[in-house]
Protein backbone atom coordinates (compact mmCIF):
# COMPACT_ATOMS: atom_id res chain seq x y z
CA UNK A 1 -57.74 20.65 44.87
CA UNK A 2 -56.75 23.12 41.96
CA UNK A 3 -56.24 21.61 38.54
CA UNK A 4 -52.78 21.59 37.36
CA UNK A 5 -52.03 24.37 34.95
CA UNK A 6 -51.15 23.09 31.41
CA UNK A 7 -47.42 23.86 30.66
CA UNK A 8 -46.68 26.42 27.95
CA UNK A 9 -44.70 25.00 25.02
CA UNK A 10 -43.20 26.42 21.78
CA UNK A 11 -41.93 24.16 18.83
CA UNK A 12 -38.70 26.00 17.89
CA UNK A 13 -35.12 25.25 16.89
CA UNK A 14 -32.96 24.20 19.71
CA UNK A 15 -29.24 25.29 19.08
CA UNK A 16 -28.12 22.73 21.82
CA UNK A 17 -29.17 19.60 19.89
CA UNK A 18 -29.95 20.96 16.43
CA UNK A 19 -33.48 20.02 16.41
CA UNK A 20 -36.85 21.69 15.92
CA UNK A 21 -38.65 20.43 18.94
CA UNK A 22 -41.17 21.50 21.85
CA UNK A 23 -39.61 23.82 24.43
CA UNK A 24 -41.35 24.09 27.80
CA UNK A 25 -41.60 27.44 29.71
CA UNK A 26 -40.33 26.78 33.24
CA UNK A 27 -40.00 30.42 34.59
CA UNK A 28 -40.34 34.09 33.75
CA UNK A 29 -38.66 36.89 35.41
CA UNK A 30 -39.84 40.52 35.14
CA UNK A 31 -37.26 43.16 35.43
CA UNK A 32 -36.10 46.67 34.20
CA UNK A 33 -33.39 47.29 31.65
CA UNK A 34 -31.44 50.71 31.23
CA UNK A 35 -32.81 52.33 28.00
CA UNK A 36 -30.91 55.52 27.75
CA UNK A 37 -29.83 58.57 29.64
CA UNK A 38 -31.80 61.83 28.78
CA UNK A 39 -30.42 65.35 28.50
CA UNK A 40 -30.78 66.00 32.36
CA UNK A 41 -28.58 62.73 33.02
CA UNK A 42 -31.49 60.86 34.36
CA UNK A 43 -31.49 57.31 33.58
CA UNK A 44 -34.68 55.94 31.71
CA UNK A 45 -35.57 52.33 32.36
CA UNK A 46 -38.00 50.18 30.51
CA UNK A 47 -39.85 46.92 31.73
CA UNK A 48 -38.53 43.69 30.43
CA UNK A 49 -39.35 39.93 30.64
CA UNK A 50 -37.02 37.03 30.50
CA UNK A 51 -38.34 33.49 29.89
CA UNK A 52 -36.58 30.39 30.96
CA UNK A 53 -37.48 27.24 28.74
CA UNK A 54 -36.28 23.53 28.66
CA UNK A 55 -35.76 21.74 25.44
CA UNK A 56 -37.96 18.59 25.81
CA UNK A 57 -35.59 16.58 23.52
CA UNK A 58 -32.15 17.34 25.02
CA UNK A 59 -33.10 18.94 28.31
CA UNK A 60 -30.78 21.86 28.04
CA UNK A 61 -31.86 25.49 29.21
CA UNK A 62 -32.80 28.37 26.79
CA UNK A 63 -33.30 32.02 27.75
CA UNK A 64 -35.53 34.17 25.90
CA UNK A 65 -36.12 38.21 26.14
CA UNK A 66 -39.26 40.08 25.41
CA UNK A 67 -39.23 43.92 25.80
CA UNK A 68 -42.01 45.26 27.85
CA UNK A 69 -43.90 44.20 30.84
CA UNK A 70 -45.62 40.98 29.72
CA UNK A 71 -48.82 40.26 31.86
CA UNK A 72 -49.28 36.81 30.49
CA UNK A 73 -47.06 33.78 30.02
CA UNK A 74 -48.43 33.57 26.51
CA UNK A 75 -46.12 36.47 25.57
CA UNK A 76 -43.53 33.81 25.66
CA UNK A 77 -44.54 33.21 21.96
CA UNK A 78 -43.24 36.73 21.14
CA UNK A 79 -39.97 36.47 22.84
CA UNK A 80 -36.56 36.22 21.09
CA UNK A 81 -33.73 33.84 21.79
CA UNK A 82 -30.91 35.19 23.88
CA UNK A 83 -28.98 31.94 25.03
CA UNK A 84 -27.60 30.09 23.35
CA UNK A 85 -26.91 32.58 20.66
CA UNK A 86 -27.21 31.28 17.08
CA UNK A 87 -26.37 33.17 13.97
CA UNK A 88 -26.41 36.60 15.66
CA UNK A 89 -23.17 38.41 14.74
CA UNK A 90 -24.94 41.79 14.76
CA UNK A 91 -25.60 44.54 12.08
CA UNK A 92 -22.12 45.92 12.18
CA UNK A 93 -20.99 42.68 10.49
CA UNK A 94 -21.36 42.58 6.61
CA UNK A 95 -24.26 40.51 5.42
CA UNK A 96 -22.09 38.16 3.40
CA UNK A 97 -20.36 37.07 6.60
CA UNK A 98 -23.48 37.05 8.70
CA UNK A 99 -25.24 34.72 6.23
CA UNK A 100 -22.62 32.17 6.16
CA UNK A 101 -22.22 32.29 9.96
CA UNK A 102 -26.01 31.89 10.34
CA UNK A 103 -26.06 28.71 8.23
CA UNK A 104 -22.97 27.48 10.18
CA UNK A 105 -24.24 27.89 13.53
CA UNK A 106 -27.36 25.82 12.93
CA UNK A 107 -25.42 22.70 12.13
CA UNK A 108 -22.52 23.08 14.81
CA UNK A 109 -24.09 20.61 17.21
CA UNK A 110 -25.14 17.90 14.40
CA UNK A 111 -22.49 18.24 11.91
CA UNK A 112 -19.20 19.50 13.28
CA UNK A 113 -17.37 18.83 9.96
CA UNK A 114 -19.74 20.82 7.92
CA UNK A 115 -19.62 23.63 10.68
CA UNK A 116 -15.89 23.77 10.22
CA UNK A 117 -16.18 24.17 6.30
CA UNK A 118 -18.69 26.84 6.85
CA UNK A 119 -16.53 28.96 9.15
CA UNK A 120 -13.71 28.54 6.69
CA UNK A 121 -16.09 30.08 4.00
CA UNK A 122 -16.87 32.89 6.64
CA UNK A 123 -13.23 33.49 6.76
CA UNK A 124 -13.04 33.72 2.99
CA UNK A 125 -15.99 36.28 2.95
CA UNK A 126 -14.09 38.34 5.65
CA UNK A 127 -10.88 38.27 3.52
CA UNK A 128 -12.94 39.45 0.51
CA UNK A 129 -14.76 42.22 2.48
CA UNK A 130 -11.38 43.50 3.78
CA UNK A 131 -9.82 43.38 0.17
CA UNK A 132 -7.17 40.90 1.40
CA UNK A 133 -4.42 40.03 -1.31
CA UNK A 134 -3.31 36.53 -2.12
CA UNK A 135 -4.29 33.30 -4.07
CA UNK A 136 -5.25 31.23 -1.15
CA UNK A 137 -6.93 31.67 2.05
CA UNK A 138 -3.59 31.31 3.90
CA UNK A 139 -2.00 34.04 1.82
CA UNK A 140 -4.98 36.42 2.31
CA UNK A 141 -4.95 35.95 6.10
CA UNK A 142 -1.23 36.67 6.09
CA UNK A 143 -1.98 39.83 4.14
CA UNK A 144 -4.49 40.93 6.82
CA UNK A 145 -2.04 40.28 9.51
CA UNK A 146 0.72 42.13 7.69
CA UNK A 147 -1.64 45.17 7.39
CA UNK A 148 -2.33 44.88 11.05
CA UNK A 149 -6.01 44.39 10.43
CA UNK A 150 -5.81 41.28 12.58
CA UNK A 151 -3.22 41.31 15.51
CA UNK A 152 -0.67 38.30 15.85
CA UNK A 153 -2.85 36.40 18.44
CA UNK A 154 -5.98 36.59 16.24
CA UNK A 155 -3.71 35.76 13.13
CA UNK A 156 -2.85 32.37 14.82
CA UNK A 157 -6.62 31.83 15.55
CA UNK A 158 -7.41 32.43 11.78
CA UNK A 159 -4.82 29.84 10.80
CA UNK A 160 -6.12 27.36 13.15
CA UNK A 161 -9.78 27.79 11.79
CA UNK A 162 -8.27 27.49 8.31
CA UNK A 163 -6.58 24.14 9.20
CA UNK A 164 -9.70 22.79 10.98
CA UNK A 165 -11.76 23.73 8.00
CA UNK A 166 -9.44 21.78 5.80
CA UNK A 167 -9.97 18.73 8.08
CA UNK A 168 -13.76 19.11 7.87
CA UNK A 169 -13.66 19.54 3.98
CA UNK A 170 -11.07 16.87 3.15
CA UNK A 171 -10.47 14.65 6.29
CA UNK A 172 -10.82 10.95 5.76
CA UNK A 173 -9.11 9.60 8.87
CA UNK A 174 -9.71 12.71 10.93
CA UNK A 175 -12.77 14.53 11.63
CA UNK A 176 -13.84 17.65 13.69
CA UNK A 177 -14.83 16.80 17.28
CA UNK A 178 -17.85 18.72 18.73
CA UNK A 179 -15.49 20.24 21.35
CA UNK A 180 -13.27 21.53 18.42
CA UNK A 181 -16.40 23.00 16.85
CA UNK A 182 -17.24 24.93 19.95
CA UNK A 183 -13.55 26.21 20.14
CA UNK A 184 -13.43 27.43 16.56
CA UNK A 185 -16.77 29.11 17.16
CA UNK A 186 -15.24 31.13 19.91
CA UNK A 187 -12.09 31.94 17.93
CA UNK A 188 -14.16 33.11 14.91
CA UNK A 189 -16.43 35.37 17.07
CA UNK A 190 -13.35 36.95 18.71
CA UNK A 191 -11.98 37.79 15.41
CA UNK A 192 -15.30 39.25 14.28
CA UNK A 193 -15.39 41.20 17.49
CA UNK A 194 -12.02 42.81 16.85
CA UNK A 195 -12.52 43.60 13.13
CA UNK A 196 -16.05 44.81 13.07
CA UNK A 197 -17.87 45.09 16.42
CA UNK A 198 -15.22 46.78 18.76
CA UNK A 199 -14.66 49.60 16.15
CA UNK A 200 -18.41 50.14 15.73
CA UNK A 201 -18.83 50.27 19.53
CA UNK A 202 -16.12 52.83 19.89
CA UNK A 203 -17.59 54.86 17.21
CA UNK A 204 -20.88 54.85 18.93
CA UNK A 205 -19.49 55.76 22.36
CA UNK A 206 -17.60 58.78 20.76
CA UNK A 207 -20.66 59.95 19.03
CA UNK A 208 -22.65 59.59 22.34
CA UNK A 209 -19.88 61.52 24.29
CA UNK A 210 -20.03 64.38 21.54
CA UNK A 211 -23.90 64.52 21.60
CA UNK A 212 -23.82 64.89 25.48
CA UNK A 213 -21.63 67.81 25.37
CA UNK A 214 -23.98 70.87 25.48
CA UNK A 215 -22.51 74.26 24.32
CA UNK A 216 -22.42 76.62 27.19
CA UNK A 217 -24.54 79.76 26.98
CA UNK A 218 -24.61 82.85 28.96
CA UNK A 219 -27.47 81.62 31.12
CA UNK A 220 -25.48 78.45 31.99
CA UNK A 221 -22.61 80.40 33.70
CA UNK A 222 -22.54 80.35 37.53
CA UNK A 223 -23.16 83.60 39.44
CA UNK A 224 -20.23 84.84 41.14
């Protein structure tokens, strides 16, 4: 009878439970990802590996990605966390906001009150970056809404984040529930998507469309 293979583990931070604990590899899937479209319109695909791991403390599943066709499960050590996302707002978001959110995301599960306070700080950083006017966070968010930098629905979200942040900082009888922490996390990401990410994606799309337009030359004209 063949000997059982020793499970592959990594000791890493688990966003689900907020602990740095062993994570056990349970599956690896090879596949191909679209890389780019070349000048002829042909798609170029690159090999990819996705790893499924389980936190040995809370039992939740984590997904890791590693570019390239990894031949050995040992390459799990080089993979990067894809799910659940933690502190990854993207390069289009100013560093001041990303750094505050990175700190917040690491404590969401274990300290909801502190998480809410950090999200409030991230809103302050957003207002500073957008040169919002006002003496308080409430006034600054209203200013961004009045200038249409934040639409009405998202303006309501920002006010909810501000109020929950106040509970986290000053609440004695009340405290932030973990489900509320998850909700405000989603609200905050929606705001960031609208203000920073979506405009950046639109610019990139327009640039790619412009670069794909090749000027017509005499040799390109069809024969009649």
